[in-house]
């Protein structure tokens, strides 16, 4: 579907990208023990950059 309606899908992808990163900028606890990434793989690097300082030593990251 995205191949035929690319502009519509790009808009949705951009909105989801902003929502995830905006949430991570404001709604996180001080420290994290476990992170489960289950979303757009293209966002993983950006997400990990935002949460890296909050991960405790020995924390678990699943993706």
Protein backbone atom coordinates (compact mmCIF):
# COMPACT_ATOMS: atom_id res chain seq x y z
CA UNK A 1 0.00 0.00 0.00
CA UNK A 2 2.78 2.45 0.79
CA UNK A 3 4.26 1.96 -2.66
CA UNK A 4 1.10 3.28 -4.30
CA UNK A 5 0.23 5.85 -1.64
CA UNK A 6 3.75 6.82 -0.60
CA UNK A 7 2.98 10.39 0.43
CA UNK A 8 0.26 9.22 2.82
CA UNK A 9 2.55 6.61 4.41
CA UNK A 10 5.42 9.05 4.71
CA UNK A 11 3.20 11.43 6.65
CA UNK A 12 2.13 8.67 9.01
CA UNK A 13 5.70 7.50 9.49
CA UNK A 14 6.83 11.02 10.29
CA UNK A 15 4.03 11.52 12.82
CA UNK A 16 4.85 8.23 14.56
CA UNK A 17 8.54 9.16 14.61
CA UNK A 18 7.81 12.47 16.30
CA UNK A 19 5.41 10.91 18.80
CA UNK A 20 7.90 8.28 19.96
CA UNK A 21 10.79 10.69 20.32
CA UNK A 22 8.60 13.33 22.00
CA UNK A 23 7.38 10.79 24.54
CA UNK A 24 10.94 9.73 25.30
CA UNK A 25 11.96 13.33 25.80
CA UNK A 26 9.43 13.89 28.61
CA UNK A 27 7.92 10.73 30.06
CA UNK A 28 10.81 8.61 31.36
CA UNK A 29 11.84 7.64 34.87
CA UNK A 30 15.30 8.62 36.09
CA UNK A 31 16.68 5.09 35.63
CA UNK A 32 15.75 2.13 33.47
CA UNK A 33 16.39 -1.56 34.15
CA UNK A 34 14.75 -3.01 31.05
CA UNK A 35 14.08 -1.62 27.58
CA UNK A 36 11.96 -3.47 25.02
CA UNK A 37 12.01 -1.85 21.59
CA UNK A 38 9.15 -3.06 19.44
CA UNK A 39 8.62 -0.52 16.72
CA UNK A 40 10.19 1.03 13.67
CA UNK A 41 13.77 -0.23 13.46
CA UNK A 42 14.77 3.02 11.80
CA UNK A 43 14.12 4.75 15.16
CA UNK A 44 16.22 2.42 17.32
CA UNK A 45 19.43 4.48 17.13
CA UNK A 46 17.58 7.72 18.00
CA UNK A 47 15.74 6.03 20.85
CA UNK A 48 18.86 4.46 22.31
CA UNK A 49 20.64 7.81 22.11
CA UNK A 50 17.86 9.37 24.20
CA UNK A 51 17.72 6.67 26.87
CA UNK A 52 21.36 5.64 27.12
CA UNK A 53 22.16 7.93 30.07
CA UNK A 54 19.20 6.49 32.02
CA UNK A 55 20.16 2.82 31.64
CA UNK A 56 21.54 1.29 34.82
CA UNK A 57 24.68 -0.81 34.70
CA UNK A 58 23.59 -4.35 33.86
CA UNK A 59 20.27 -3.25 32.31
CA UNK A 60 18.70 -5.33 29.57
CA UNK A 61 17.87 -4.09 26.08
CA UNK A 62 15.63 -6.24 23.88
CA UNK A 63 14.75 -5.40 20.31
